[in-house]
C-alpha atoms as a PDB file:
ATOM      1  CA  MET A   1       0.044   0.076  -0.077  1.00  0.00           C
ATOM      2  CA  LYS A   2       0.981   3.803  -0.489  1.00  0.00           C
ATOM      3  CA  VAL A   3       0.049   6.654   0.834  1.00  0.00           C
ATOM      4  CA  LEU A   4       0.644  10.439   0.251  1.00  0.00           C
ATOM      5  CA  LEU A   5       0.933  12.521   3.790  1.00  0.00           C
ATOM      6  CA  THR A   6       0.963  16.316   4.032  1.00  0.00           C
ATOM      7  CA  GLY A   7       0.932  18.617   6.245  1.00  0.00           C
ATOM      8  CA  LYS A   8       2.890  21.146   8.320  1.00  0.00           C
ATOM      9  CA  TRP A   9       6.039  19.311   9.214  1.00  0.00           C
ATOM     10  CA  THR A  10       6.706  20.454  12.662  1.00  0.00           C
ATOM     11  CA  GLY A  11       9.709  18.280  13.783  1.00  0.00           C
ATOM     12  CA  GLY A  12      10.176  15.058  15.814  1.00  0.00           C
ATOM     13  CA  GLY A  13       7.656  16.752  18.475  1.00  0.00           C
ATOM     14  CA  GLY A  14       4.771  16.885  16.141  1.00  0.00           C
ATOM     15  CA  GLU A  15       1.844  14.829  15.364  1.00  0.00           C
ATOM     16  CA  ILE A  16       2.429  14.753  11.486  1.00  0.00           C
ATOM     17  CA  ASN A  17       5.579  13.417  12.340  1.00  0.00           C
ATOM     18  CA  PHE A  18       3.892  10.565  14.574  1.00  0.00           C
ATOM     19  CA  ILE A  19       1.710   9.421  11.833  1.00  0.00           C
ATOM     20  CA  TYR A  20       4.290   9.453   9.183  1.00  0.00           C
ATOM     21  CA  LYS A  21       6.385   7.198  11.652  1.00  0.00           C
ATOM     22  CA  ALA A  22       3.190   5.185  12.670  1.00  0.00           C
ATOM     23  CA  LEU A  23       2.777   4.571   8.534  1.00  0.00           C
ATOM     24  CA  LYS A  24       6.188   3.449   8.262  1.00  0.00           C
ATOM     25  CA  LYS A  25       6.359   0.838  10.997  1.00  0.00           C
ATOM     26  CA  LEU A  26       3.337  -0.622   9.291  1.00  0.00           C
ATOM     27  CA  ASN A  27       5.221  -1.221   6.547  1.00  0.00           C
ATOM     28  CA  ILE A  28       3.229   0.882   4.392  1.00  0.00           C
ATOM     29  CA  GLU A  29       5.084   3.128   1.330  1.00  0.00           C
ATOM     30  CA  VAL A  30       4.704   6.409   1.895  1.00  0.00           C
ATOM     31  CA  ASP A  31       5.629   9.943   0.988  1.00  0.00           C
ATOM     32  CA  ILE A  32       5.109  13.235   2.143  1.00  0.00           C
ATOM     33  CA  VAL A  33       4.343  16.906   0.631  1.00  0.00           C
ATOM     34  CA  ARG A  34       5.690  19.023   3.767  1.00  0.00           C
ATOM     35  CA  GLN A  35       3.618  22.387   3.725  1.00  0.00           C
ATOM     36  CA  GLU A  36       6.569  24.357   4.683  1.00  0.00           C
ATOM     37  CA  GLU A  37       8.520  23.830   1.676  1.00  0.00           C
ATOM     38  CA  TYR A  38       5.680  25.095  -0.748  1.00  0.00           C
ATOM     39  CA  PHE A  39       4.306  28.029   1.492  1.00  0.00           C
ATOM     40  CA  ASN A  40       5.790  30.663   3.574  1.00  0.00           C
ATOM     41  CA  THR A  41       3.546  32.779   5.800  1.00  0.00           C
ATOM     42  CA  SER A  42       4.028  36.379   4.181  1.00  0.00           C
ATOM     43  CA  LEU A  43       3.024  39.811   5.235  1.00  0.00           C
ATOM     44  CA  ILE A  44      -0.497  39.686   3.308  1.00  0.00           C
ATOM     45  CA  ASN A  45      -1.329  36.603   5.208  1.00  0.00           C
ATOM     46  CA  LYS A  46      -0.401  37.601   8.440  1.00  0.00           C
ATOM     47  CA  ILE A  47      -2.503  40.669   7.452  1.00  0.00           C
ATOM     48  CA  SER A  48      -5.495  38.576   6.563  1.00  0.00           C
ATOM     49  CA  TYR A  49      -5.433  36.352   9.325  1.00  0.00           C
ATOM     50  CA  ARG A  50      -5.430  39.187  11.494  1.00  0.00           C
ATOM     51  CA  LEU A  51      -8.416  41.321  10.026  1.00  0.00           C
ATOM     52  CA  LEU A  52     -10.146  38.293   8.849  1.00  0.00           C
ATOM     53  CA  ARG A  53     -13.009  36.284  10.642  1.00  0.00           C
ATOM     54  CA  THR A  54     -11.868  33.281   9.022  1.00  0.00           C
ATOM     55  CA  PRO A  55      -8.411  33.236   7.075  1.00  0.00           C
ATOM     56  CA  TYR A  56      -7.640  33.410   3.376  1.00  0.00           C
ATOM     57  CA  TYR A  57      -4.210  32.498   2.545  1.00  0.00           C
ATOM     58  CA  PHE A  58      -2.506  33.574  -0.534  1.00  0.00           C
ATOM     59  CA  PHE A  59       0.415  32.490  -2.491  1.00  0.00           C
ATOM     60  CA  THR A  60      -0.544  28.523  -1.874  1.00  0.00           C
ATOM     61  CA  GLY A  61      -0.192  27.831  -5.584  1.00  0.00           C
ATOM     62  CA  LYS A  62       2.822  26.250  -5.717  1.00  0.00           C
ATOM     63  CA  LEU A  63       1.855  23.861  -2.569  1.00  0.00           C
ATOM     64  CA  ASN A  64      -1.684  22.645  -4.393  1.00  0.00           C
ATOM     65  CA  LYS A  65       0.219  22.167  -7.766  1.00  0.00           C
ATOM     66  CA  GLU A  66       3.050  20.218  -5.661  1.00  0.00           C
ATOM     67  CA  LEU A  67      -0.113  18.283  -4.462  1.00  0.00           C
ATOM     68  CA  ILE A  68      -1.076  16.907  -7.572  1.00  0.00           C
ATOM     69  CA  LYS A  69       1.953  16.375  -9.154  1.00  0.00           C
ATOM     70  CA  ARG A  70       3.123  14.369  -6.784  1.00  0.00           C
ATOM     71  CA  VAL A  71      -0.323  12.551  -6.768  1.00  0.00           C
ATOM     72  CA  LYS A  72       0.299  11.340 -10.307  1.00  0.00           C
ATOM     73  CA  SER A  73       3.974  10.366 -10.011  1.00  0.00           C
ATOM     74  CA  PHE A  74       3.761   8.342  -6.616  1.00  0.00           C
ATOM     75  CA  LYS A  75       0.372   6.973  -7.437  1.00  0.00           C
ATOM     76  CA  PRO A  76      -1.014   6.534  -3.337  1.00  0.00           C
ATOM     77  CA  ASP A  77      -3.849   4.456  -2.354  1.00  0.00           C
ATOM     78  CA  PHE A  78      -5.099   7.245  -0.454  1.00  0.00           C
ATOM     79  CA  ILE A  79      -4.098  11.016   0.686  1.00  0.00           C
ATOM     80  CA  LEU A  80      -3.769  12.083   4.191  1.00  0.00           C
ATOM     81  CA  CYS A  81      -4.202  15.732   4.561  1.00  0.00           C
ATOM     82  CA  PHE A  82      -3.494  16.472   8.234  1.00  0.00           C
ATOM     83  CA  LYS A  83      -4.688  20.454   9.008  1.00  0.00           C
ATOM     84  CA  PRO A  84      -5.481  21.057   5.206  1.00  0.00           C
ATOM     85  CA  ILE A  85      -6.424  24.808   5.332  1.00  0.00           C
ATOM     86  CA  LEU A  86      -4.132  25.659   2.489  1.00  0.00           C
ATOM     87  CA  ILE A  87      -5.248  23.068  -0.186  1.00  0.00           C
ATOM     88  CA  LYS A  88      -7.675  24.404  -2.653  1.00  0.00           C
ATOM     89  CA  PRO A  89     -11.462  23.552  -3.061  1.00  0.00           C
ATOM     90  CA  LYS A  90      -9.993  22.571  -6.788  1.00  0.00           C
ATOM     91  CA  THR A  91      -7.388  20.861  -5.734  1.00  0.00           C
ATOM     92  CA  VAL A  92      -9.542  18.154  -3.657  1.00  0.00           C
ATOM     93  CA  LYS A  93     -11.975  18.254  -6.417  1.00  0.00           C
ATOM     94  CA  ALA A  94      -8.993  17.361  -8.811  1.00  0.00           C
ATOM     95  CA  LEU A  95      -6.880  14.923  -6.571  1.00  0.00           C
ATOM     96  CA  SER A  96     -10.297  12.685  -5.486  1.00  0.00           C
ATOM     97  CA  GLY A  97     -10.447  12.230  -9.646  1.00  0.00           C
ATOM     98  CA  ILE A  98      -7.376   9.684  -8.795  1.00  0.00           C
ATOM     99  CA  THR A  99      -7.739   8.325  -5.973  1.00  0.00           C
ATOM    100  CA  LYS A 100      -8.716   8.648  -1.726  1.00  0.00           C
ATOM    101  CA  VAL A 101      -8.851  11.980  -0.285  1.00  0.00           C
ATOM    102  CA  PHE A 102      -8.730  11.737   3.729  1.00  0.00           C
ATOM    103  CA  SER A 103      -8.458  15.123   6.079  1.00  0.00           C
ATOM    104  CA  TRP A 104      -7.300  14.699   9.487  1.00  0.00           C
ATOM    105  CA  TYR A 105      -8.512  17.826  11.599  1.00  0.00           C
ATOM    106  CA  PRO A 106      -7.367  18.595  15.257  1.00  0.00           C
ATOM    107  CA  ASP A 107      -8.972  21.682  15.740  1.00  0.00           C
ATOM    108  CA  TYR A 108     -12.626  22.302  16.114  1.00  0.00           C
ATOM    109  CA  VAL A 109     -13.972  22.944  13.298  1.00  0.00           C
ATOM    110  CA  LEU A 110     -16.580  25.584  14.386  1.00  0.00           C
ATOM    111  CA  PHE A 111     -13.618  28.442  15.639  1.00  0.00           C
ATOM    112  CA  PRO A 112     -12.651  30.129  12.045  1.00  0.00           C
ATOM    113  CA  LYS A 113      -9.047  31.381  13.032  1.00  0.00           C
ATOM    114  CA  THR A 114      -7.803  27.661  13.162  1.00  0.00           C
ATOM    115  CA  CYS A 115      -9.473  26.917  10.422  1.00  0.00           C
ATOM    116  CA  SER A 116      -9.933  28.437   6.415  1.00  0.00           C
ATOM    117  CA  THR A 117     -11.892  29.464   3.776  1.00  0.00           C
ATOM    118  CA  TYR A 118     -10.646  26.782   1.683  1.00  0.00           C
ATOM    119  CA  PHE A 119     -11.499  24.137   4.037  1.00  0.00           C
ATOM    120  CA  TYR A 120     -15.242  25.221   4.465  1.00  0.00           C
ATOM    121  CA  LYS A 121     -15.462  25.006   1.226  1.00  0.00           C
ATOM    122  CA  SER A 122     -13.409  21.671   0.541  1.00  0.00           C
ATOM    123  CA  ILE A 123     -15.274  19.916   3.356  1.00  0.00           C
ATOM    124  CA  PRO A 124     -18.290  18.524   0.748  1.00  0.00           C
ATOM    125  CA  LEU A 125     -15.159  17.080  -1.377  1.00  0.00           C
ATOM    126  CA  TYR A 126     -13.375  14.917   0.662  1.00  0.00           C
ATOM    127  CA  ASP A 127     -14.188  10.846   0.888  1.00  0.00           C
ATOM    128  CA  CYS A 128     -13.371  10.864   4.408  1.00  0.00           C
ATOM    129  CA  HIS A 129     -12.861  13.880   7.466  1.00  0.00           C
ATOM    130  CA  PHE A 130     -11.064  12.525  10.997  1.00  0.00           C
ATOM    131  CA  PHE A 131     -11.264  14.507  13.349  1.00  0.00           C
ATOM    132  CA  PHE A 132      -9.477  14.748  17.525  1.00  0.00           C
ATOM    133  CA  ASN A 133     -12.493  17.213  18.487  1.00  0.00           C
ATOM    134  CA  PHE A 134     -15.416  15.376  19.129  1.00  0.00           C
ATOM    135  CA  ALA A 135     -18.087  18.213  18.917  1.00  0.00           C
ATOM    136  CA  ASN A 136     -16.885  17.940  15.437  1.00  0.00           C
ATOM    137  CA  SER A 137     -19.264  14.602  14.824  1.00  0.00           C
ATOM    138  CA  LYS A 138     -22.236  16.910  13.983  1.00  0.00           C
ATOM    139  CA  GLU A 139     -20.946  19.996  12.594  1.00  0.00           C
ATOM    140  CA  LEU A 140     -18.627  18.445   9.762  1.00  0.00           C
ATOM    141  CA  LEU A 141     -21.899  17.048   8.567  1.00  0.00           C
ATOM    142  CA  LYS A 142     -23.432  19.785   8.743  1.00  0.00           C
ATOM    143  CA  LEU A 143     -20.987  21.953   6.690  1.00  0.00           C
ATOM    144  CA  GLY A 144     -21.346  18.832   4.075  1.00  0.00           C
ATOM    145  CA  ALA A 145     -19.147  16.291   4.902  1.00  0.00           C
ATOM    146  CA  LYS A 146     -19.124  12.818   3.271  1.00  0.00           C
ATOM    147  CA  LYS A 147     -18.241  10.756   6.275  1.00  0.00           C
ATOM    148  CA  ALA A 148     -17.244  12.123   9.305  1.00  0.00           C
ATOM    149  CA  ILE A 149     -15.442   9.674  12.058  1.00  0.00           C
ATOM    150  CA  PHE A 150     -13.699  10.996  15.563  1.00  0.00           C
ATOM    151  CA  LEU A 151      -9.901  10.125  15.909  1.00  0.00           C
ATOM    152  CA  THR A 152      -8.450  11.223  18.409  1.00  0.00           C
ATOM    153  CA  CYS A 153      -5.204  12.271  19.060  1.00  0.00           C
ATOM    154  CA  ALA A 154      -2.696   9.719  20.682  1.00  0.00           C
ATOM    155  CA  ALA A 155       0.931   9.110  21.883  1.00  0.00           C
ATOM    156  CA  ASP A 156       4.041   8.340  20.261  1.00  0.00           C
ATOM    157  CA  PRO A 157       5.994   5.448  22.112  1.00  0.00           C
ATOM    158  CA  ASP A 158       9.745   6.400  21.132  1.00  0.00           C
ATOM    159  CA  CYS A 159       8.310  10.338  22.366  1.00  0.00           C
ATOM    160  CA  HIS A 160       6.053  10.158  25.064  1.00  0.00           C
ATOM    161  CA  LYS A 161       7.596   7.646  27.233  1.00  0.00           C
ATOM    162  CA  PRO A 162       8.947   7.178  30.699  1.00  0.00           C
ATOM    163  CA  THR A 163      12.506   8.718  31.092  1.00  0.00           C
ATOM    164  CA  GLU A 164      14.994   8.955  34.047  1.00  0.00           C
ATOM    165  CA  VAL A 165      16.249  12.092  34.935  1.00  0.00           C
ATOM    166  CA  THR A 166      19.433  13.488  37.630  1.00  0.00           C
ATOM    167  CA  PRO A 167      18.791  15.398  40.635  1.00  0.00           C
ATOM    168  CA  GLU A 168      20.061  18.506  38.949  1.00  0.00           C
ATOM    169  CA  GLU A 169      17.252  17.818  36.065  1.00  0.00           C
ATOM    170  CA  LYS A 170      14.753  17.393  38.185  1.00  0.00           C
ATOM    171  CA  ASP A 171      15.694  20.318  40.587  1.00  0.00           C
ATOM    172  CA  ARG A 172      15.704  22.418  37.425  1.00  0.00           C
ATOM    173  CA  LEU A 173      12.959  21.401  35.283  1.00  0.00           C
ATOM    174  CA  GLY A 174      10.171  20.055  37.566  1.00  0.00           C
ATOM    175  CA  ALA A 175       7.866  21.136  40.145  1.00  0.00           C
ATOM    176  CA  ASP A 176       5.278  20.113  42.566  1.00  0.00           C
ATOM    177  CA  ILE A 177       2.935  21.019  39.702  1.00  0.00           C
ATOM    178  CA  VAL A 178       3.646  21.188  36.080  1.00  0.00           C
ATOM    179  CA  PHE A 179       1.652  22.424  33.438  1.00  0.00           C
ATOM    180  CA  ILE A 180       2.389  22.074  29.652  1.00  0.00           C
ATOM    181  CA  GLY A 181       0.248  23.955  27.194  1.00  0.00           C
ATOM    182  CA  THR A 182      -0.336  27.209  25.315  1.00  0.00           C
ATOM    183  CA  TYR A 183      -1.380  30.256  27.199  1.00  0.00           C
ATOM    184  CA  ALA A 184      -5.424  30.942  27.251  1.00  0.00           C
ATOM    185  CA  LYS A 185      -7.120  33.205  29.668  1.00  0.00           C
ATOM    186  CA  GLU A 186      -9.068  30.379  30.464  1.00  0.00           C
ATOM    187  CA  ASN A 187      -9.450  28.272  33.905  1.00  0.00           C
ATOM    188  CA  ARG A 188      -6.290  27.058  33.109  1.00  0.00           C
ATOM    189  CA  PHE A 189      -4.768  30.562  34.023  1.00  0.00           C
ATOM    190  CA  GLU A 190      -7.416  31.571  36.417  1.00  0.00           C
ATOM    191  CA  TYR A 191      -6.736  28.433  38.366  1.00  0.00           C
ATOM    192  CA  MET A 192      -3.105  28.061  38.353  1.00  0.00           C
ATOM    193  CA  GLU A 193      -2.730  31.908  39.506  1.00  0.00           C
ATOM    194  CA  LYS A 194      -4.468  30.875  42.442  1.00  0.00           C
ATOM    195  CA  LEU A 195      -2.192  28.295  43.352  1.00  0.00           C
ATOM    196  CA  CYS A 196       0.605  30.218  42.748  1.00  0.00           C
ATOM    197  CA  GLY A 197      -0.802  32.637  44.900  1.00  0.00           C
ATOM    198  CA  GLU A 198      -1.564  30.200  47.673  1.00  0.00           C
ATOM    199  CA  GLY A 199       2.212  29.220  47.605  1.00  0.00           C
ATOM    200  CA  TYR A 200       2.577  26.306  45.642  1.00  0.00           C
ATOM    201  CA  ASP A 201       5.661  24.948  43.599  1.00  0.00           C
ATOM    202  CA  ILE A 202       4.334  25.437  39.862  1.00  0.00           C
ATOM    203  CA  LYS A 203       6.408  25.735  36.308  1.00  0.00           C
ATOM    204  CA  ILE A 204       4.652  26.197  33.324  1.00  0.00           C
ATOM    205  CA  TYR A 205       5.877  25.501  30.014  1.00  0.00           C
ATOM    206  CA  GLY A 206       4.672  26.124  26.390  1.00  0.00           C
ATOM    207  CA  ASN A 207       3.710  28.916  23.845  1.00  0.00           C
ATOM    208  CA  SER A 208       2.148  32.132  23.996  1.00  0.00           C
ATOM    209  CA  TRP A 209       2.820  32.688  28.034  1.00  0.00           C
ATOM    210  CA  GLU A 210       4.477  36.536  27.352  1.00  0.00           C
ATOM    211  CA  LYS A 211       0.506  37.393  27.091  1.00  0.00           C
ATOM    212  CA  CYS A 212       0.692  36.754  30.664  1.00  0.00           C
ATOM    213  CA  PRO A 213      -0.412  39.988  32.951  1.00  0.00           C
ATOM    214  CA  LYS A 214       3.340  41.096  34.245  1.00  0.00           C
ATOM    215  CA  SER A 215       1.303  41.603  37.486  1.00  0.00           C
ATOM    216  CA  SER A 216       0.269  38.317  38.152  1.00  0.00           C
ATOM    217  CA  CYS A 217       1.625  35.984  40.648  1.00  0.00           C
ATOM    218  CA  LEU A 218       2.986  33.385  38.119  1.00  0.00           C
ATOM    219  CA  PHE A 219       5.053  35.552  36.261  1.00  0.00           C
ATOM    220  CA  LYS A 220       6.191  37.838  39.388  1.00  0.00           C
ATOM    221  CA  LYS A 221       7.418  34.130  41.232  1.00  0.00           C
ATOM    222  CA  GLY A 222       9.488  32.664  37.900  1.00  0.00           C
ATOM    223  CA  CYS A 223       6.753  30.184  37.138  1.00  0.00           C
ATOM    224  CA  ILE A 224       6.864  30.344  33.659  1.00  0.00           C
ATOM    225  CA  GLN A 225       9.537  28.840  31.672  1.00  0.00           C
ATOM    226  CA  PHE A 226       8.546  31.057  28.526  1.00  0.00           C
ATOM    227  CA  LYS A 227       9.933  27.346  26.358  1.00  0.00           C
ATOM    228  CA  GLU A 228       8.065  24.531  25.207  1.00  0.00           C
ATOM    229  CA  ALA A 229       8.879  20.957  26.348  1.00  0.00           C
ATOM    230  CA  SER A 230       7.934  18.691  23.574  1.00  0.00           C
ATOM    231  CA  CYS A 231       9.221  15.051  22.699  1.00  0.00           C
ATOM    232  CA  GLY A 232      11.855  13.711  24.884  1.00  0.00           C
ATOM    233  CA  ASN A 233      12.684  16.965  26.504  1.00  0.00           C
ATOM    234  CA  MET A 234       8.234  16.580  27.748  1.00  0.00           C
ATOM    235  CA  SER A 235       9.106  13.467  29.382  1.00  0.00           C
ATOM    236  CA  LYS A 236      11.973  14.773  31.226  1.00  0.00           C
ATOM    237  CA  VAL A 237       9.498  17.733  32.891  1.00  0.00           C
ATOM    238  CA  LEU A 238       7.008  15.361  33.919  1.00  0.00           C
ATOM    239  CA  ASN A 239       9.022  12.508  35.136  1.00  0.00           C
ATOM    240  CA  SER A 240      10.358  15.781  37.708  1.00  0.00           C
ATOM    241  CA  SER A 241       7.403  16.744  38.711  1.00  0.00           C
ATOM    242  CA  LYS A 242       4.889  15.286  40.809  1.00  0.00           C
ATOM    243  CA  ILE A 243       1.398  16.486  39.329  1.00  0.00           C
ATOM    244  CA  ALA A 244       0.741  17.152  35.968  1.00  0.00           C
ATOM    245  CA  LEU A 245      -2.546  19.784  35.401  1.00  0.00           C
ATOM    246  CA  ALA A 246      -4.507  19.132  32.060  1.00  0.00           C
ATOM    247  CA  PHE A 247      -6.897  21.437  30.558  1.00  0.00           C
ATOM    248  CA  VAL A 248      -8.940  21.694  27.557  1.00  0.00           C
ATOM    249  CA  ARG A 249      -9.372  24.677  25.513  1.00  0.00           C
ATOM    250  CA  GLU A 250     -13.068  26.081  26.618  1.00  0.00           C
ATOM    251  CA  HIS A 251     -13.169  28.114  23.726  1.00  0.00           C
ATOM    252  CA  ASN A 252     -12.913  24.967  21.203  1.00  0.00           C
ATOM    253  CA  ASP A 253     -15.470  23.215  23.193  1.00  0.00           C
ATOM    254  CA  GLU A 254     -12.901  20.083  23.655  1.00  0.00           C
ATOM    255  CA  THR A 255     -13.466  17.353  25.633  1.00  0.00           C
ATOM    256  CA  LEU A 256      -9.609  15.538  25.186  1.00  0.00           C
ATOM    257  CA  ALA A 257      -6.304  17.153  24.248  1.00  0.00           C
ATOM    258  CA  CYS A 258      -3.365  15.574  22.839  1.00  0.00           C
ATOM    259  CA  ARG A 259      -1.953  15.865  26.196  1.00  0.00           C
ATOM    260  CA  THR A 260      -4.673  13.227  27.363  1.00  0.00           C
ATOM    261  CA  PHE A 261      -2.478  10.725  26.252  1.00  0.00           C
ATOM    262  CA  GLU A 262       0.623  12.530  26.417  1.00  0.00           C
ATOM    263  CA  ILE A 263       1.502  13.029  30.206  1.00  0.00           C
ATOM    264  CA  PRO A 264       0.077   9.185  31.080  1.00  0.00           C
ATOM    265  CA  ALA A 265       2.234   7.659  27.984  1.00  0.00           C
ATOM    266  CA  CYS A 266       5.074   9.622  29.916  1.00  0.00           C
ATOM    267  CA  GLY A 267       4.653   7.752  33.183  1.00  0.00           C
ATOM    268  CA  ALA A 268       3.578  11.130  34.515  1.00  0.00           C
ATOM    269  CA  PHE A 269       0.424  11.429  37.224  1.00  0.00           C
ATOM    270  CA  MET A 270      -1.803  13.267  35.398  1.00  0.00           C
ATOM    271  CA  LEU A 271      -4.706  15.571  37.183  1.00  0.00           C
ATOM    272  CA  HIS A 272      -7.090  16.102  34.030  1.00  0.00           C
ATOM    273  CA  SER A 273      -9.993  18.508  34.043  1.00  0.00           C
ATOM    274  CA  ARG A 274     -13.404  16.582  33.844  1.00  0.00           C
ATOM    275  CA  THR A 275     -15.038  16.301  30.689  1.00  0.00           C
ATOM    276  CA  SER A 276     -17.964  14.384  29.081  1.00  0.00           C
ATOM    277  CA  LYS A 277     -15.315  12.296  27.396  1.00  0.00           C
ATOM    278  CA  ILE A 278     -12.084  11.239  29.350  1.00  0.00           C
ATOM    279  CA  GLY A 279     -13.992   9.263  31.718  1.00  0.00           C
ATOM    280  CA  GLU A 280     -14.314   6.822  28.610  1.00  0.00           C
ATOM    281  CA  PHE A 281     -10.069   6.768  28.052  1.00  0.00           C
ATOM    282  CA  LEU A 282      -9.176   6.459  31.880  1.00  0.00           C
ATOM    283  CA  GLU A 283     -10.555   5.269  34.895  1.00  0.00           C
ATOM    284  CA  GLU A 284     -10.916   8.337  37.242  1.00  0.00           C
ATOM    285  CA  GLY A 285      -8.650   7.193  40.748  1.00  0.00           C
ATOM    286  CA  LYS A 286      -7.263   4.233  39.397  1.00  0.00           C
ATOM    287  CA  GLU A 287      -5.402   5.684  35.798  1.00  0.00           C
ATOM    288  CA  ALA A 288      -5.584   9.437  36.405  1.00  0.00           C
ATOM    289  CA  GLU A 289      -7.553  12.058  37.984  1.00  0.00           C
ATOM    290  CA  PHE A 290     -10.565  14.680  37.200  1.00  0.00           C
ATOM    291  CA  PHE A 291     -11.522  17.649  38.619  1.00  0.00           C
ATOM    292  CA  ASP A 292     -14.662  19.797  38.311  1.00  0.00           C
ATOM    293  CA  SER A 293     -13.785  23.215  40.121  1.00  0.00           C
ATOM    294  CA  TYR A 294     -10.998  24.419  41.688  1.00  0.00           C
ATOM    295  CA  ASP A 295     -11.382  23.617  44.505  1.00  0.00           C
ATOM    296  CA  GLU A 296     -11.628  20.123  43.842  1.00  0.00           C
ATOM    297  CA  MET A 297      -8.176  20.409  41.722  1.00  0.00           C
ATOM    298  CA  LYS A 298      -6.490  21.973  44.926  1.00  0.00           C
ATOM    299  CA  ASN A 299      -8.185  19.365  47.127  1.00  0.00           C
ATOM    300  CA  LYS A 300      -7.053  16.620  44.833  1.00  0.00           C
ATOM    301  CA  ILE A 301      -3.497  18.407  44.938  1.00  0.00           C
ATOM    302  CA  ASP A 302      -3.320  18.388  48.874  1.00  0.00           C
ATOM    303  CA  PHE A 303      -3.948  14.832  48.552  1.00  0.00           C
ATOM    304  CA  TYR A 304      -1.678  13.499  46.204  1.00  0.00           C
ATOM    305  CA  LEU A 305       0.839  15.255  47.303  1.00  0.00           C
ATOM    306  CA  LYS A 306       0.837  13.549  50.743  1.00  0.00           C
ATOM    307  CA  HIS A 307       0.631  10.051  48.848  1.00  0.00           C
ATOM    308  CA  ASP A 308       3.164   9.645  46.824  1.00  0.00           C
ATOM    309  CA  LEU A 309       2.944   5.467  46.457  1.00  0.00           C
ATOM    310  CA  LEU A 310      -1.233   5.566  45.435  1.00  0.00           C
ATOM    311  CA  ARG A 311      -0.015   8.834  43.223  1.00  0.00           C
ATOM    312  CA  LYS A 312       3.129   6.446  41.376  1.00  0.00           C
ATOM    313  CA  ASN A 313       0.508   3.819  41.071  1.00  0.00           C
ATOM    314  CA  ILE A 314      -2.103   5.443  39.296  1.00  0.00           C
ATOM    315  CA  ALA A 315       0.731   7.031  37.065  1.00  0.00           C
ATOM    316  CA  LYS A 316       1.946   3.528  36.478  1.00  0.00           C
ATOM    317  CA  ASN A 317      -1.618   2.622  35.629  1.00  0.00           C
ATOM    318  CA  GLY A 318      -2.043   5.319  33.137  1.00  0.00           C
ATOM    319  CA  GLN A 319       0.854   4.654  31.627  1.00  0.00           C
ATOM    320  CA  GLU A 320       0.033   1.196  30.859  1.00  0.00           C
ATOM    321  CA  LYS A 321      -3.626   1.697  29.821  1.00  0.00           C
ATOM    322  CA  ILE A 322      -2.018   4.581  27.121  1.00  0.00           C
ATOM    323  CA  VAL A 323       0.771   1.648  26.035  1.00  0.00           C
ATOM    324  CA  ASN A 324      -1.637  -1.119  25.780  1.00  0.00           C
ATOM    325  CA  GLY A 325      -4.958   0.141  25.489  1.00  0.00           C
ATOM    326  CA  GLY A 326      -4.740   1.296  21.797  1.00  0.00           C
ATOM    327  CA  HIS A 327      -3.961   4.855  22.318  1.00  0.00           C
ATOM    328  CA  LEU A 328      -0.447   5.377  20.669  1.00  0.00           C
ATOM    329  CA  PHE A 329      -0.415   7.015  17.230  1.00  0.00           C
ATOM    330  CA  ILE A 330       0.123   3.212  15.501  1.00  0.00           C
ATOM    331  CA  ASN A 331      -3.717   2.914  16.616  1.00  0.00           C
ATOM    332  CA  ARG A 332      -4.926   5.383  15.135  1.00  0.00           C
ATOM    333  CA  VAL A 333      -3.542   4.968  11.856  1.00  0.00           C
ATOM    334  CA  LYS A 334      -4.312   0.923  11.793  1.00  0.00           C
ATOM    335  CA  SER A 335      -7.944   2.541  12.146  1.00  0.00           C
ATOM    336  CA  ILE A 336      -7.468   4.483   9.112  1.00  0.00           C
ATOM    337  CA  LEU A 337      -6.230   2.070   6.923  1.00  0.00           C
ATOM    338  CA  ASP A 338      -9.193  -0.051   8.035  1.00  0.00           C
ATOM    339  CA  ILE A 339     -11.471   2.264   7.063  1.00  0.00           C
ATOM    340  CA  PHE A 340      -9.754   2.788   3.399  1.00  0.00           C
ATOM    341  CA  GLU A 341     -10.068  -1.121   3.258  1.00  0.00           C
ATOM    342  CA  SER A 342     -13.880  -0.372   3.681  1.00  0.00           C
ATOM    343  CA  MET A 343     -14.615   1.885   1.424  1.00  0.00           C
ATOM    344  CA  ARG A 344     -12.814   0.149  -1.454  1.00  0.00           C
END
């Protein structure tokens, strides 16, 4: 079998990299069109993104031509487009005349800033849509999708795995409480700001934390590290800490996040916001812990900071559930291959 993969290549710690590796492990012949090699975010695109409710991307012709050219030369059984916001409707239509065309969309489709006019117009043209966010189940069908299948994010066993840390690394990277994720003026910021004010030991890694108010406790006490923690470094941060907080994006109507799978896969104890879906993947009190409110979160932090053995057992159970329970990227890719076979 041959598969053409396309999307933004973000290096060793990105989802498209994990998908690529999973395909290779399954002995699939795979070619990849890396978006960044054929498209640069120019000034006009930055202005478009800032001014328009739904971004319109200029200068995507080179990428779209390359996709058609590569399909004709490589002759894949299907194309898997990861977050295909730069692919024009006419390109999808041309590709679907040659082979099956699938999209895998990681964001909430009704949040326009992470989408594009191209993708909205192309939705009815894809043979099948996969998506991380369960809220997209009905929305994609309403927007004309032929087929829409919930396929969550997952962990990568080469990246998300328990890691030994030295005492120096533990002191430098870790804390009693750690959070790895993007800044957002939602519960994630408000809850950790309260914890900081109450004197808890916290470290934060991720993007956009320069937007955090300079008057905040988190900023003043140096909790924000102003750097990312991805792949092997993520595991070191998590294994240097006692409790890893996990919040879903409220404005994206999320019920699960990539961290939902990555944190336990690294062998870390996860305290996750309680959602309608999380209990379907991890058992509360056995494989992870959940919270509904600040008070419940704080009470569970206090409890588990005092009960090391119980905390470590839950972390171990969570790691086993992700690795052996079908929540690796290779399991997700197998699902796509099965669906393709059913559509032949």
